[in-house]
PDB file of N, CA and C in Angstrom:
ATOM      1  N   MET A   1      -1.698   8.118  40.258  1.00  0.00           N
ATOM      2  CA  MET A   1      -0.996   8.514  38.695  1.00  0.00           C
ATOM      3  C   MET A   1      -2.533   9.172  37.611  1.00  0.00           C
ATOM      4  N   SER A   2      -2.244  10.579  37.201  1.00  0.00           N
ATOM      5  CA  SER A   2      -2.251  10.864  36.429  1.00  0.00           C
ATOM      6  C   SER A   2      -2.638  11.079  34.931  1.00  0.00           C
ATOM      7  N   GLU A   3      -2.707  11.568  34.304  1.00  0.00           N
ATOM      8  CA  GLU A   3      -3.008  11.208  32.859  1.00  0.00           C
ATOM      9  C   GLU A   3      -2.271  12.971  32.240  1.00  0.00           C
ATOM     10  N   PRO A   4      -0.899  12.046  31.137  1.00  0.00           N
ATOM     11  CA  PRO A   4      -0.333  13.275  30.135  1.00  0.00           C
ATOM     12  C   PRO A   4      -0.819  14.267  30.193  1.00  0.00           C
ATOM     13  N   ARG A   5       0.126  15.112  29.690  1.00  0.00           N
ATOM     14  CA  ARG A   5      -0.852  16.410  29.472  1.00  0.00           C
ATOM     15  C   ARG A   5      -0.182  17.438  28.788  1.00  0.00           C
ATOM     16  N   LEU A   6      -0.468  16.992  27.458  1.00  0.00           N
ATOM     17  CA  LEU A   6       0.267  17.790  26.440  1.00  0.00           C
ATOM     18  C   LEU A   6       1.989  18.654  26.099  1.00  0.00           C
ATOM     19  N   GLU A   7       1.151  19.890  27.588  1.00  0.00           N
ATOM     20  CA  GLU A   7       2.764  20.318  27.812  1.00  0.00           C
ATOM     21  C   GLU A   7       3.686  19.738  28.525  1.00  0.00           C
ATOM     22  N   ASP A   8       3.936  18.144  28.767  1.00  0.00           N
ATOM     23  CA  ASP A   8       4.595  17.571  29.506  1.00  0.00           C
ATOM     24  C   ASP A   8       4.912  16.586  28.511  1.00  0.00           C
ATOM     25  N   ILE A   9       4.659  15.942  27.417  1.00  0.00           N
ATOM     26  CA  ILE A   9       5.306  15.533  26.476  1.00  0.00           C
ATOM     27  C   ILE A   9       6.247  16.484  25.892  1.00  0.00           C
ATOM     28  N   SER A  10       7.413  16.083  25.327  1.00  0.00           N
ATOM     29  CA  SER A  10       8.316  16.532  24.632  1.00  0.00           C
ATOM     30  C   SER A  10       8.339  16.809  23.558  1.00  0.00           C
ATOM     31  N   ASP A  11       7.899  15.665  22.356  1.00  0.00           N
ATOM     32  CA  ASP A  11       7.757  15.945  20.875  1.00  0.00           C
ATOM     33  C   ASP A  11       6.708  15.468  20.764  1.00  0.00           C
ATOM     34  N   TYR A  12       5.293  16.160  21.198  1.00  0.00           N
ATOM     35  CA  TYR A  12       4.113  16.151  20.708  1.00  0.00           C
ATOM     36  C   TYR A  12       3.799  15.979  19.570  1.00  0.00           C
ATOM     37  N   ASN A  13       5.008  17.467  18.948  1.00  0.00           N
ATOM     38  CA  ASN A  13       4.466  17.937  17.514  1.00  0.00           C
ATOM     39  C   ASN A  13       5.200  17.350  16.258  1.00  0.00           C
ATOM     40  N   THR A  14       6.860  16.734  16.502  1.00  0.00           N
ATOM     41  CA  THR A  14       7.097  15.822  16.132  1.00  0.00           C
ATOM     42  C   THR A  14       7.896  15.214  16.885  1.00  0.00           C
ATOM     43  N   LEU A  15       7.588  13.710  15.826  1.00  0.00           N
ATOM     44  CA  LEU A  15       8.533  12.288  16.586  1.00  0.00           C
ATOM     45  C   LEU A  15       9.924  12.291  16.854  1.00  0.00           C
ATOM     46  N   LYS A  16      10.318  11.761  17.457  1.00  0.00           N
ATOM     47  CA  LYS A  16      11.746  11.669  17.591  1.00  0.00           C
ATOM     48  C   LYS A  16      12.486  10.660  17.907  1.00  0.00           C
ATOM     49  N   GLY A  17      13.271  10.406  17.849  1.00  0.00           N
ATOM     50  CA  GLY A  17      14.021   9.519  18.566  1.00  0.00           C
ATOM     51  C   GLY A  17      14.039   7.813  18.466  1.00  0.00           C
ATOM     52  N   SER A  18      13.489   7.327  19.850  1.00  0.00           N
ATOM     53  CA  SER A  18      12.763   5.496  19.949  1.00  0.00           C
ATOM     54  C   SER A  18      11.548   5.525  18.859  1.00  0.00           C
ATOM     55  N   LYS A  19      10.593   6.989  19.593  1.00  0.00           N
ATOM     56  CA  LYS A  19       9.488   6.837  19.121  1.00  0.00           C
ATOM     57  C   LYS A  19       9.371   6.567  17.604  1.00  0.00           C
ATOM     58  N   LYS A  20       9.748   8.086  17.202  1.00  0.00           N
ATOM     59  CA  LYS A  20       9.699   7.375  15.305  1.00  0.00           C
ATOM     60  C   LYS A  20      10.623   5.350  15.093  1.00  0.00           C
ATOM     61  N   LYS A  21      10.845   5.388  15.325  1.00  0.00           N
ATOM     62  CA  LYS A  21      11.711   3.726  15.095  1.00  0.00           C
ATOM     63  C   LYS A  21      10.543   3.316  15.211  1.00  0.00           C
ATOM     64  N   VAL A  22       9.924   2.876  16.471  1.00  0.00           N
ATOM     65  CA  VAL A  22       8.779   1.803  16.392  1.00  0.00           C
ATOM     66  C   VAL A  22       7.832   2.037  15.713  1.00  0.00           C
ATOM     67  N   VAL A  23       6.465   3.960  15.087  1.00  0.00           N
ATOM     68  CA  VAL A  23       5.777   4.164  14.730  1.00  0.00           C
ATOM     69  C   VAL A  23       5.886   3.859  13.174  1.00  0.00           C
ATOM     70  N   TRP A  24       7.353   3.664  12.830  1.00  0.00           N
ATOM     71  CA  TRP A  24       8.332   3.376  11.592  1.00  0.00           C
ATOM     72  C   TRP A  24       8.125   1.974  11.202  1.00  0.00           C
ATOM     73  N   ALA A  25       8.365   1.248  12.550  1.00  0.00           N
ATOM     74  CA  ALA A  25       8.802  -0.631  12.643  1.00  0.00           C
ATOM     75  C   ALA A  25       7.149  -1.123  12.621  1.00  0.00           C
ATOM     76  N   VAL A  26       6.387  -0.459  12.939  1.00  0.00           N
ATOM     77  CA  VAL A  26       4.906  -0.676  13.125  1.00  0.00           C
ATOM     78  C   VAL A  26       4.739  -0.842  11.875  1.00  0.00           C
ATOM     79  N   ILE A  27       5.053   0.451  10.781  1.00  0.00           N
ATOM     80  CA  ILE A  27       4.404   0.546   9.729  1.00  0.00           C
ATOM     81  C   ILE A  27       5.177  -0.554   8.819  1.00  0.00           C
ATOM     82  N   VAL A  28       6.136  -0.897   8.308  1.00  0.00           N
ATOM     83  CA  VAL A  28       7.042  -2.173   7.990  1.00  0.00           C
ATOM     84  C   VAL A  28       6.582  -2.355   7.863  1.00  0.00           C
ATOM     85  N   ILE A  29       5.683  -3.617   9.199  1.00  0.00           N
ATOM     86  CA  ILE A  29       6.246  -5.003  10.058  1.00  0.00           C
ATOM     87  C   ILE A  29       4.531  -5.231   8.910  1.00  0.00           C
ATOM     88  N   GLY A  30       3.479  -4.179   8.959  1.00  0.00           N
ATOM     89  CA  GLY A  30       2.331  -4.165   8.656  1.00  0.00           C
ATOM     90  C   GLY A  30       2.036  -4.258   7.605  1.00  0.00           C
ATOM     91  N   LEU A  31       2.769  -3.289   7.304  1.00  0.00           N
ATOM     92  CA  LEU A  31       2.780  -3.482   4.539  1.00  0.00           C
ATOM     93  C   LEU A  31       3.603  -5.148   4.635  1.00  0.00           C
ATOM     94  N   LEU A  32       4.525  -5.528   5.194  1.00  0.00           N
ATOM     95  CA  LEU A  32       5.125  -6.914   5.082  1.00  0.00           C
ATOM     96  C   LEU A  32       4.011  -7.992   5.376  1.00  0.00           C
ATOM     97  N   MET A  33       3.451  -8.051   6.359  1.00  0.00           N
ATOM     98  CA  MET A  33       2.631  -9.328   6.603  1.00  0.00           C
ATOM     99  C   MET A  33       1.527  -8.880   5.744  1.00  0.00           C
ATOM    100  N   GLY A  34       0.906  -7.416   5.031  1.00  0.00           N
ATOM    101  CA  GLY A  34       0.069  -7.585   4.117  1.00  0.00           C
ATOM    102  C   GLY A  34       0.289  -8.602   2.643  1.00  0.00           C
ATOM    103  N   VAL A  35       1.829  -8.395   2.604  1.00  0.00           N
ATOM    104  CA  VAL A  35       2.176  -8.989   1.214  1.00  0.00           C
ATOM    105  C   VAL A  35       2.423 -10.617   2.013  1.00  0.00           C
ATOM    106  N   LEU A  36       3.014 -10.332   2.394  1.00  0.00           N
ATOM    107  CA  LEU A  36       2.945 -11.944   2.628  1.00  0.00           C
ATOM    108  C   LEU A  36       1.801 -13.048   2.773  1.00  0.00           C
ATOM    109  N   TYR A  37       0.532 -12.167   3.140  1.00  0.00           N
ATOM    110  CA  TYR A  37      -0.672 -13.596   3.483  1.00  0.00           C
ATOM    111  C   TYR A  37      -1.111 -12.856   1.957  1.00  0.00           C
ATOM    112  N   MET A  38      -1.188 -12.132   1.357  1.00  0.00           N
ATOM    113  CA  MET A  38      -1.851 -12.237  -0.203  1.00  0.00           C
ATOM    114  C   MET A  38      -0.680 -13.342  -1.083  1.00  0.00           C
ATOM    115  N   THR A  39       0.629 -13.167  -0.617  1.00  0.00           N
ATOM    116  CA  THR A  39       1.378 -13.889  -1.570  1.00  0.00           C
ATOM    117  C   THR A  39       0.821 -15.969  -1.607  1.00  0.00           C
ATOM    118  N   VAL A  40       0.832 -15.997   0.205  1.00  0.00           N
ATOM    119  CA  VAL A  40       0.088 -17.178   0.091  1.00  0.00           C
ATOM    120  C   VAL A  40      -1.079 -17.089  -0.177  1.00  0.00           C
ATOM    121  N   TYR A  41      -1.576 -16.631  -0.030  1.00  0.00           N
ATOM    122  CA  TYR A  41      -3.567 -16.395  -0.844  1.00  0.00           C
ATOM    123  C   TYR A  41      -3.041 -17.042  -1.984  1.00  0.00           C
ATOM    124  N   ASN A  42      -2.050 -16.210  -2.730  1.00  0.00           N
ATOM    125  CA  ASN A  42      -2.678 -16.860  -4.336  1.00  0.00           C
ATOM    126  C   ASN A  42      -1.455 -17.224  -4.706  1.00  0.00           C
ATOM    127  N   MET A  43      -1.021 -18.279  -4.262  1.00  0.00           N
ATOM    128  CA  MET A  43      -0.839 -19.680  -4.149  1.00  0.00           C
ATOM    129  C   MET A  43      -1.067 -20.397  -3.675  1.00  0.00           C
ATOM    130  N   TYR A  44      -2.317 -20.623  -2.280  1.00  0.00           N
ATOM    131  CA  TYR A  44      -2.353 -21.552  -2.524  1.00  0.00           C
ATOM    132  C   TYR A  44      -4.255 -21.783  -1.843  1.00  0.00           C
ATOM    133  N   ASP A  45      -4.370 -20.525  -3.304  1.00  0.00           N
ATOM    134  CA  ASP A  45      -6.103 -20.427  -3.361  1.00  0.00           C
ATOM    135  C   ASP A  45      -6.701 -20.952  -4.636  1.00  0.00           C
ATOM    136  N   SER A  46      -7.131 -22.342  -3.948  1.00  0.00           N
ATOM    137  CA  SER A  46      -7.584 -24.032  -5.112  1.00  0.00           C
ATOM    138  C   SER A  46      -8.235 -23.109  -5.620  1.00  0.00           C
ATOM    139  N   LYS A  47      -9.107 -22.470  -7.524  1.00  0.00           N
ATOM    140  CA  LYS A  47      -9.767 -22.084  -7.640  1.00  0.00           C
ATOM    141  C   LYS A  47     -10.630 -23.373  -8.228  1.00  0.00           C
ATOM    142  N   GLU A  48      -9.784 -24.791  -8.534  1.00  0.00           N
ATOM    143  CA  GLU A  48     -11.037 -25.886  -9.540  1.00  0.00           C
ATOM    144  C   GLU A  48     -11.467 -26.388  -8.721  1.00  0.00           C
ATOM    145  N   ASP A  49     -10.785 -26.175  -7.344  1.00  0.00           N
ATOM    146  CA  ASP A  49     -12.188 -27.655  -6.711  1.00  0.00           C
ATOM    147  C   ASP A  49     -13.784 -26.214  -5.704  1.00  0.00           C
ATOM    148  N   THR A  50     -13.531 -25.385  -6.863  1.00  0.00           N
ATOM    149  CA  THR A  50     -14.919 -24.680  -6.872  1.00  0.00           C
ATOM    150  C   THR A  50     -16.525 -25.224  -6.996  1.00  0.00           C
ATOM    151  N   ILE A  51     -17.374 -24.899  -6.238  1.00  0.00           N
ATOM    152  CA  ILE A  51     -18.013 -25.683  -7.381  1.00  0.00           C
ATOM    153  C   ILE A  51     -18.643 -25.243  -7.501  1.00  0.00           C
ATOM    154  N   LYS A  52     -19.400 -25.394  -9.233  1.00  0.00           N
ATOM    155  CA  LYS A  52     -19.983 -24.908  -9.908  1.00  0.00           C
ATOM    156  C   LYS A  52     -22.019 -24.275  -9.744  1.00  0.00           C
ATOM    157  N   ILE A  53     -22.421 -23.246  -9.529  1.00  0.00           N
ATOM    158  CA  ILE A  53     -23.908 -22.948  -9.316  1.00  0.00           C
ATOM    159  C   ILE A  53     -24.564 -22.459 -10.624  1.00  0.00           C
ATOM    160  N   GLU A  54     -25.657 -23.130 -11.144  1.00  0.00           N
ATOM    161  CA  GLU A  54     -25.894 -22.479 -12.161  1.00  0.00           C
ATOM    162  C   GLU A  54     -27.676 -21.844 -11.506  1.00  0.00           C
ATOM    163  N   ASP A  55     -28.040 -21.143 -12.329  1.00  0.00           N
ATOM    164  CA  ASP A  55     -29.828 -20.092 -11.848  1.00  0.00           C
ATOM    165  C   ASP A  55     -30.048 -20.585 -12.652  1.00  0.00           C
ATOM    166  N   PRO A  56     -31.221 -21.318 -12.243  1.00  0.00           N
ATOM    167  CA  PRO A  56     -32.434 -21.255 -13.470  1.00  0.00           C
ATOM    168  C   PRO A  56     -32.934 -20.168 -13.923  1.00  0.00           C
ATOM    169  N   ILE A  57     -33.239 -19.253 -12.386  1.00  0.00           N
ATOM    170  CA  ILE A  57     -33.727 -18.409 -12.475  1.00  0.00           C
ATOM    171  C   ILE A  57     -33.296 -16.659 -13.130  1.00  0.00           C
ATOM    172  N   LYS A  58     -33.414 -16.315 -14.509  1.00  0.00           N
ATOM    173  CA  LYS A  58     -32.180 -15.572 -14.734  1.00  0.00           C
ATOM    174  C   LYS A  58     -32.854 -13.982 -13.893  1.00  0.00           C
ATOM    175  N   ALA A  59     -34.065 -13.958 -14.049  1.00  0.00           N
ATOM    176  CA  ALA A  59     -34.719 -13.069 -13.943  1.00  0.00           C
ATOM    177  C   ALA A  59     -36.334 -13.141 -13.026  1.00  0.00           C
ATOM    178  N   VAL A  60     -36.630 -11.679 -12.501  1.00  0.00           N
ATOM    179  CA  VAL A  60     -37.391 -12.717 -11.291  1.00  0.00           C
ATOM    180  C   VAL A  60     -38.739 -11.748 -12.010  1.00  0.00           C
ATOM    181  N   PRO A  61     -40.008 -12.098 -12.540  1.00  0.00           N
ATOM    182  CA  PRO A  61     -41.096 -11.900 -13.026  1.00  0.00           C
ATOM    183  C   PRO A  61     -41.652  -9.811 -11.981  1.00  0.00           C
ATOM    184  N   MET A  62     -41.864  -9.696 -13.030  1.00  0.00           N
ATOM    185  CA  MET A  62     -42.770  -8.547 -11.856  1.00  0.00           C
ATOM    186  C   MET A  62     -44.504  -8.642 -11.581  1.00  0.00           C
ATOM    187  N   ARG A  63     -45.197  -8.693 -10.906  1.00  0.00           N
ATOM    188  CA  ARG A  63     -45.965  -8.526 -10.542  1.00  0.00           C
ATOM    189  C   ARG A  63     -46.926  -7.220 -10.856  1.00  0.00           C
TER     190      ARG A  63
END
């Protein structure tokens, strides 16, 4: 089986038909997954159970 050549690809310059729909579907699904992740992360991210750490060293002395 040989590698495809650019001359053999009929829609190299512009996507048409089902390939264009697949590209748009992947983009839309990726955006929806990102929105869903951010929504769930913000809903269930509990900030009240974090441990507060106080650093007694405010500045490192220069030698």
